[in-house]
PDB file of N, CA and C in Angstrom:
ATOM      1  N   MET A   1      99.356 118.003 108.575  1.00  0.00           N
ATOM      2  CA  MET A   1     100.534 118.934 109.652  1.00  0.00           C
ATOM      3  C   MET A   1     101.774 118.427 109.362  1.00  0.00           C
ATOM      4  N   LEU A   2     102.603 119.363 109.464  1.00  0.00           N
ATOM      5  CA  LEU A   2     104.106 118.731 109.202  1.00  0.00           C
ATOM      6  C   LEU A   2     104.503 118.559 110.803  1.00  0.00           C
ATOM      7  N   ASN A   3     105.758 117.952 111.015  1.00  0.00           N
ATOM      8  CA  ASN A   3     106.473 117.996 112.159  1.00  0.00           C
ATOM      9  C   ASN A   3     107.433 119.089 112.275  1.00  0.00           C
ATOM     10  N   ASP A   4     107.640 119.372 113.412  1.00  0.00           N
ATOM     11  CA  ASP A   4     108.885 120.483 113.777  1.00  0.00           C
ATOM     12  C   ASP A   4     109.272 120.202 115.041  1.00  0.00           C
ATOM     13  N   ASP A   5     110.477 120.819 115.269  1.00  0.00           N
ATOM     14  CA  ASP A   5     111.162 120.466 116.778  1.00  0.00           C
ATOM     15  C   ASP A   5     110.578 121.426 117.598  1.00  0.00           C
ATOM     16  N   TYR A   6     110.024 122.145 117.742  1.00  0.00           N
ATOM     17  CA  TYR A   6     109.592 123.396 118.469  1.00  0.00           C
ATOM     18  C   TYR A   6     108.091 123.182 119.043  1.00  0.00           C
ATOM     19  N   THR A   7     107.193 122.897 118.004  1.00  0.00           N
ATOM     20  CA  THR A   7     105.605 122.785 118.720  1.00  0.00           C
ATOM     21  C   THR A   7     105.598 121.956 119.617  1.00  0.00           C
ATOM     22  N   PRO A   8     104.953 122.431 120.869  1.00  0.00           N
ATOM     23  CA  PRO A   8     104.530 121.072 121.898  1.00  0.00           C
ATOM     24  C   PRO A   8     103.601 120.359 121.495  1.00  0.00           C
ATOM     25  N   MET A   9     103.827 118.897 121.587  1.00  0.00           N
ATOM     26  CA  MET A   9     102.588 118.146 121.260  1.00  0.00           C
ATOM     27  C   MET A   9     101.537 118.266 121.970  1.00  0.00           C
ATOM     28  N   GLU A  10     101.493 118.783 122.836  1.00  0.00           N
ATOM     29  CA  GLU A  10     100.102 119.279 123.625  1.00  0.00           C
ATOM     30  C   GLU A  10      99.187 120.110 122.747  1.00  0.00           C
ATOM     31  N   PHE A  11     100.004 120.998 122.141  1.00  0.00           N
ATOM     32  CA  PHE A  11      99.364 122.115 121.370  1.00  0.00           C
ATOM     33  C   PHE A  11      98.656 121.387 119.858  1.00  0.00           C
ATOM     34  N   VAL A  12      99.571 120.275 119.465  1.00  0.00           N
ATOM     35  CA  VAL A  12      99.133 119.787 118.214  1.00  0.00           C
ATOM     36  C   VAL A  12      97.884 118.795 118.607  1.00  0.00           C
ATOM     37  N   ILE A  13      98.077 118.382 119.566  1.00  0.00           N
ATOM     38  CA  ILE A  13      96.624 117.700 120.053  1.00  0.00           C
ATOM     39  C   ILE A  13      95.442 118.537 120.279  1.00  0.00           C
ATOM     40  N   ARG A  14      95.496 119.550 120.794  1.00  0.00           N
ATOM     41  CA  ARG A  14      94.500 120.509 121.056  1.00  0.00           C
ATOM     42  C   ARG A  14      93.905 121.197 119.738  1.00  0.00           C
ATOM     43  N   VAL A  15      94.846 121.266 118.984  1.00  0.00           N
ATOM     44  CA  VAL A  15      94.393 121.635 117.633  1.00  0.00           C
ATOM     45  C   VAL A  15      93.639 120.786 116.873  1.00  0.00           C
ATOM     46  N   LEU A  16      94.092 119.689 116.758  1.00  0.00           N
ATOM     47  CA  LEU A  16      93.497 118.388 116.385  1.00  0.00           C
ATOM     48  C   LEU A  16      92.023 118.237 116.686  1.00  0.00           C
ATOM     49  N   GLN A  17      92.013 118.321 117.989  1.00  0.00           N
ATOM     50  CA  GLN A  17      90.565 118.280 118.884  1.00  0.00           C
ATOM     51  C   GLN A  17      89.575 119.290 118.402  1.00  0.00           C
ATOM     52  N   GLN A  18      90.288 120.667 118.388  1.00  0.00           N
ATOM     53  CA  GLN A  18      89.597 122.187 118.301  1.00  0.00           C
ATOM     54  C   GLN A  18      89.059 121.894 116.772  1.00  0.00           C
ATOM     55  N   PHE A  19      90.016 121.746 115.942  1.00  0.00           N
ATOM     56  CA  PHE A  19      89.539 122.276 114.669  1.00  0.00           C
ATOM     57  C   PHE A  19      89.277 121.372 113.526  1.00  0.00           C
ATOM     58  N   PHE A  20      89.595 120.083 114.416  1.00  0.00           N
ATOM     59  CA  PHE A  20      89.228 118.742 113.505  1.00  0.00           C
ATOM     60  C   PHE A  20      88.218 117.914 114.160  1.00  0.00           C
ATOM     61  N   GLN A  21      87.964 118.328 115.323  1.00  0.00           N
ATOM     62  CA  GLN A  21      86.870 117.313 116.084  1.00  0.00           C
ATOM     63  C   GLN A  21      87.184 115.981 116.483  1.00  0.00           C
ATOM     64  N   HIS A  22      88.750 115.679 116.460  1.00  0.00           N
ATOM     65  CA  HIS A  22      88.859 114.130 117.060  1.00  0.00           C
ATOM     66  C   HIS A  22      88.739 114.163 118.568  1.00  0.00           C
ATOM     67  N   ASP A  23      88.716 113.116 118.926  1.00  0.00           N
ATOM     68  CA  ASP A  23      88.749 112.790 120.522  1.00  0.00           C
ATOM     69  C   ASP A  23      90.303 112.784 120.842  1.00  0.00           C
ATOM     70  N   LEU A  24      90.349 112.821 121.996  1.00  0.00           N
ATOM     71  CA  LEU A  24      91.676 112.685 122.791  1.00  0.00           C
ATOM     72  C   LEU A  24      92.579 111.445 122.159  1.00  0.00           C
ATOM     73  N   GLU A  25      92.496 110.263 122.167  1.00  0.00           N
ATOM     74  CA  GLU A  25      92.921 109.155 121.644  1.00  0.00           C
ATOM     75  C   GLU A  25      93.129 109.402 120.281  1.00  0.00           C
ATOM     76  N   THR A  26      92.458 109.602 119.316  1.00  0.00           N
ATOM     77  CA  THR A  26      92.725 109.788 118.111  1.00  0.00           C
ATOM     78  C   THR A  26      93.724 110.745 117.673  1.00  0.00           C
ATOM     79  N   ALA A  27      93.404 111.886 118.377  1.00  0.00           N
ATOM     80  CA  ALA A  27      94.493 113.256 118.212  1.00  0.00           C
ATOM     81  C   ALA A  27      95.647 112.770 118.544  1.00  0.00           C
ATOM     82  N   THR A  28      95.917 112.100 119.771  1.00  0.00           N
ATOM     83  CA  THR A  28      97.315 111.644 120.043  1.00  0.00           C
ATOM     84  C   THR A  28      98.067 110.880 119.229  1.00  0.00           C
ATOM     85  N   LEU A  29      97.028 109.802 118.598  1.00  0.00           N
ATOM     86  CA  LEU A  29      97.502 108.887 117.598  1.00  0.00           C
ATOM     87  C   LEU A  29      98.172 109.521 116.475  1.00  0.00           C
ATOM     88  N   ILE A  30      97.260 110.850 115.782  1.00  0.00           N
ATOM     89  CA  ILE A  30      97.865 111.281 114.662  1.00  0.00           C
ATOM     90  C   ILE A  30      98.846 112.273 115.084  1.00  0.00           C
ATOM     91  N   MET A  31      98.998 112.987 116.284  1.00  0.00           N
ATOM     92  CA  MET A  31     100.047 113.728 116.513  1.00  0.00           C
ATOM     93  C   MET A  31     101.225 112.737 116.500  1.00  0.00           C
ATOM     94  N   LEU A  32     101.101 111.482 117.113  1.00  0.00           N
ATOM     95  CA  LEU A  32     102.436 110.577 117.289  1.00  0.00           C
ATOM     96  C   LEU A  32     102.731 110.352 115.689  1.00  0.00           C
ATOM     97  N   LYS A  33     102.047 110.199 114.715  1.00  0.00           N
ATOM     98  CA  LYS A  33     102.131 109.805 113.392  1.00  0.00           C
ATOM     99  C   LYS A  33     103.153 111.054 112.630  1.00  0.00           C
ATOM    100  N   ILE A  34     102.427 112.212 113.070  1.00  0.00           N
ATOM    101  CA  ILE A  34     102.927 113.361 112.424  1.00  0.00           C
ATOM    102  C   ILE A  34     104.773 113.493 113.181  1.00  0.00           C
ATOM    103  N   HIS A  35     104.752 113.237 114.201  1.00  0.00           N
ATOM    104  CA  HIS A  35     106.133 113.135 115.328  1.00  0.00           C
ATOM    105  C   HIS A  35     107.259 112.103 114.607  1.00  0.00           C
ATOM    106  N   HIS A  36     106.651 111.028 114.287  1.00  0.00           N
ATOM    107  CA  HIS A  36     107.432 109.626 113.952  1.00  0.00           C
ATOM    108  C   HIS A  36     107.715 109.829 112.338  1.00  0.00           C
ATOM    109  N   GLU A  37     106.714 110.474 111.403  1.00  0.00           N
ATOM    110  CA  GLU A  37     106.594 110.094 110.160  1.00  0.00           C
ATOM    111  C   GLU A  37     107.025 111.529 109.496  1.00  0.00           C
ATOM    112  N   GLY A  38     106.931 112.536 110.118  1.00  0.00           N
ATOM    113  CA  GLY A  38     107.098 113.706 109.724  1.00  0.00           C
ATOM    114  C   GLY A  38     105.859 114.711 109.254  1.00  0.00           C
ATOM    115  N   ARG A  39     104.794 113.777 109.086  1.00  0.00           N
ATOM    116  CA  ARG A  39     103.545 114.536 108.583  1.00  0.00           C
ATOM    117  C   ARG A  39     102.362 113.234 108.930  1.00  0.00           C
ATOM    118  N   GLY A  40     101.164 113.993 108.877  1.00  0.00           N
ATOM    119  CA  GLY A  40     100.092 113.313 109.241  1.00  0.00           C
ATOM    120  C   GLY A  40      98.656 113.865 108.712  1.00  0.00           C
ATOM    121  N   VAL A  41      97.903 113.288 108.268  1.00  0.00           N
ATOM    122  CA  VAL A  41      96.486 113.833 107.592  1.00  0.00           C
ATOM    123  C   VAL A  41      95.659 113.982 108.951  1.00  0.00           C
ATOM    124  N   CYS A  42      94.896 115.182 108.689  1.00  0.00           N
ATOM    125  CA  CYS A  42      93.896 115.339 109.968  1.00  0.00           C
ATOM    126  C   CYS A  42      92.619 115.064 109.745  1.00  0.00           C
ATOM    127  N   GLY A  43      92.387 115.167 108.381  1.00  0.00           N
ATOM    128  CA  GLY A  43      91.006 114.792 107.995  1.00  0.00           C
ATOM    129  C   GLY A  43      90.773 115.009 106.398  1.00  0.00           C
ATOM    130  N   VAL A  44      89.646 114.418 105.799  1.00  0.00           N
ATOM    131  CA  VAL A  44      89.451 114.556 104.408  1.00  0.00           C
ATOM    132  C   VAL A  44      88.166 115.675 104.255  1.00  0.00           C
ATOM    133  N   TYR A  45      88.302 116.684 103.477  1.00  0.00           N
ATOM    134  CA  TYR A  45      87.161 117.747 103.288  1.00  0.00           C
ATOM    135  C   TYR A  45      87.304 118.354 101.999  1.00  0.00           C
ATOM    136  N   THR A  46      86.115 118.862 101.841  1.00  0.00           N
ATOM    137  CA  THR A  46      85.854 119.310 100.528  1.00  0.00           C
ATOM    138  C   THR A  46      86.943 120.766 100.276  1.00  0.00           C
ATOM    139  N   ARG A  47      87.103 121.233  99.229  1.00  0.00           N
ATOM    140  CA  ARG A  47      88.565 122.194  99.160  1.00  0.00           C
ATOM    141  C   ARG A  47      87.995 123.484  99.845  1.00  0.00           C
ATOM    142  N   ASP A  48      86.936 123.866 100.185  1.00  0.00           N
ATOM    143  CA  ASP A  48      86.728 125.088 101.060  1.00  0.00           C
ATOM    144  C   ASP A  48      86.770 124.870 102.272  1.00  0.00           C
ATOM    145  N   VAL A  49      86.337 123.845 102.910  1.00  0.00           N
ATOM    146  CA  VAL A  49      86.578 123.455 104.246  1.00  0.00           C
ATOM    147  C   VAL A  49      87.946 123.125 104.682  1.00  0.00           C
ATOM    148  N   ALA A  50      88.520 122.545 104.000  1.00  0.00           N
ATOM    149  CA  ALA A  50      90.202 122.311 104.117  1.00  0.00           C
ATOM    150  C   ALA A  50      90.803 123.236 103.992  1.00  0.00           C
ATOM    151  N   ALA A  51      90.622 124.652 103.222  1.00  0.00           N
ATOM    152  CA  ALA A  51      91.388 125.654 103.094  1.00  0.00           C
ATOM    153  C   ALA A  51      91.097 126.379 104.486  1.00  0.00           C
ATOM    154  N   THR A  52      89.865 126.453 104.920  1.00  0.00           N
ATOM    155  CA  THR A  52      89.663 127.444 106.136  1.00  0.00           C
ATOM    156  C   THR A  52      90.232 126.506 107.273  1.00  0.00           C
ATOM    157  N   LYS A  53      89.900 125.274 107.535  1.00  0.00           N
ATOM    158  CA  LYS A  53      90.727 124.413 108.597  1.00  0.00           C
ATOM    159  C   LYS A  53      92.367 124.987 108.556  1.00  0.00           C
ATOM    160  N   VAL A  54      92.953 124.898 107.324  1.00  0.00           N
ATOM    161  CA  VAL A  54      94.196 125.327 107.626  1.00  0.00           C
ATOM    162  C   VAL A  54      94.476 126.597 108.035  1.00  0.00           C
ATOM    163  N   GLU A  55      93.762 127.566 107.422  1.00  0.00           N
ATOM    164  CA  GLU A  55      94.031 129.127 107.894  1.00  0.00           C
ATOM    165  C   GLU A  55      93.788 128.850 109.367  1.00  0.00           C
ATOM    166  N   LEU A  56      92.792 128.346 110.092  1.00  0.00           N
ATOM    167  CA  LEU A  56      92.557 128.486 111.505  1.00  0.00           C
ATOM    168  C   LEU A  56      93.714 127.919 111.994  1.00  0.00           C
ATOM    169  N   VAL A  57      94.307 126.852 111.647  1.00  0.00           N
ATOM    170  CA  VAL A  57      95.167 126.175 112.498  1.00  0.00           C
ATOM    171  C   VAL A  57      96.552 127.060 112.451  1.00  0.00           C
ATOM    172  N   LEU A  58      96.822 127.683 110.997  1.00  0.00           N
ATOM    173  CA  LEU A  58      97.907 128.555 110.860  1.00  0.00           C
ATOM    174  C   LEU A  58      97.809 129.782 111.894  1.00  0.00           C
ATOM    175  N   ALA A  59      96.586 130.312 111.922  1.00  0.00           N
ATOM    176  CA  ALA A  59      96.634 131.520 112.992  1.00  0.00           C
ATOM    177  C   ALA A  59      96.696 131.014 114.358  1.00  0.00           C
ATOM    178  N   ALA A  60      96.092 129.848 114.800  1.00  0.00           N
ATOM    179  CA  ALA A  60      96.334 129.334 116.238  1.00  0.00           C
ATOM    180  C   ALA A  60      97.981 129.429 116.446  1.00  0.00           C
ATOM    181  N   ALA A  61      98.594 128.832 115.728  1.00  0.00           N
ATOM    182  CA  ALA A  61      99.842 128.791 115.616  1.00  0.00           C
ATOM    183  C   ALA A  61     100.769 129.979 115.952  1.00  0.00           C
ATOM    184  N   ARG A  62     100.143 130.778 114.959  1.00  0.00           N
ATOM    185  CA  ARG A  62     100.840 132.285 115.020  1.00  0.00           C
ATOM    186  C   ARG A  62     100.379 132.838 116.222  1.00  0.00           C
ATOM    187  N   ARG A  63      99.094 132.569 116.856  1.00  0.00           N
ATOM    188  CA  ARG A  63      98.837 133.380 117.863  1.00  0.00           C
ATOM    189  C   ARG A  63      99.861 132.931 119.234  1.00  0.00           C
ATOM    190  N   ASP A  64      99.912 131.584 119.385  1.00  0.00           N
ATOM    191  CA  ASP A  64     101.045 130.874 120.305  1.00  0.00           C
ATOM    192  C   ASP A  64     102.259 130.978 119.896  1.00  0.00           C
ATOM    193  N   GLN A  65     102.476 131.457 118.843  1.00  0.00           N
ATOM    194  CA  GLN A  65     104.141 131.522 118.467  1.00  0.00           C
ATOM    195  C   GLN A  65     104.676 130.401 118.392  1.00  0.00           C
ATOM    196  N   HIS A  66     104.105 129.470 117.471  1.00  0.00           N
ATOM    197  CA  HIS A  66     104.621 128.074 117.193  1.00  0.00           C
ATOM    198  C   HIS A  66     104.599 128.026 115.782  1.00  0.00           C
ATOM    199  N   PRO A  67     105.874 127.335 115.462  1.00  0.00           N
ATOM    200  CA  PRO A  67     105.940 127.338 113.974  1.00  0.00           C
ATOM    201  C   PRO A  67     105.261 126.261 113.216  1.00  0.00           C
ATOM    202  N   LEU A  68     104.168 125.698 113.795  1.00  0.00           N
ATOM    203  CA  LEU A  68     103.300 124.463 113.383  1.00  0.00           C
ATOM    204  C   LEU A  68     103.003 124.640 111.791  1.00  0.00           C
ATOM    205  N   GLN A  69     103.251 123.727 110.705  1.00  0.00           N
ATOM    206  CA  GLN A  69     102.744 124.089 109.523  1.00  0.00           C
ATOM    207  C   GLN A  69     101.599 123.429 109.354  1.00  0.00           C
ATOM    208  N   CYS A  70     100.231 123.642 108.786  1.00  0.00           N
ATOM    209  CA  CYS A  70      99.554 122.883 108.305  1.00  0.00           C
ATOM    210  C   CYS A  70      99.215 122.811 106.760  1.00  0.00           C
ATOM    211  N   LEU A  71      99.133 122.184 105.905  1.00  0.00           N
ATOM    212  CA  LEU A  71      98.768 122.243 104.411  1.00  0.00           C
ATOM    213  C   LEU A  71      97.489 121.187 104.073  1.00  0.00           C
ATOM    214  N   MET A  72      97.382 121.916 102.703  1.00  0.00           N
ATOM    215  CA  MET A  72      96.077 121.151 101.835  1.00  0.00           C
ATOM    216  C   MET A  72      96.632 120.653 100.797  1.00  0.00           C
ATOM    217  N   GLU A  73      96.140 118.998 100.764  1.00  0.00           N
ATOM    218  CA  GLU A  73      96.499 118.188  99.512  1.00  0.00           C
ATOM    219  C   GLU A  73      95.596 117.953  98.639  1.00  0.00           C
ATOM    220  N   SER A  74      95.704 117.908  97.418  1.00  0.00           N
ATOM    221  CA  SER A  74      94.528 117.234  96.598  1.00  0.00           C
ATOM    222  C   SER A  74      94.696 115.995  96.354  1.00  0.00           C
ATOM    223  N   ALA A  75      93.655 115.135  96.297  1.00  0.00           N
ATOM    224  CA  ALA A  75      93.683 113.811  96.923  1.00  0.00           C
ATOM    225  C   ALA A  75      93.646 113.306  95.084  1.00  0.00           C
TER     226      ALA A  75
END
């Protein structure tokens, strides 16, 4: 996930919990990494699973009108 100046931190935490199954503490740590470093890793998945998760996150962000960006990178 990439940092932006508009998406609320609470939304990022909720997305990390809902789509990546992180507990509150881990989701908060990942959110803070994204906030301070500009990007953070949500998890490591097969290509198909990662692509699906990216689409789910982007759809949730659009639905709630946030500019949050999530992308998939090859290892």
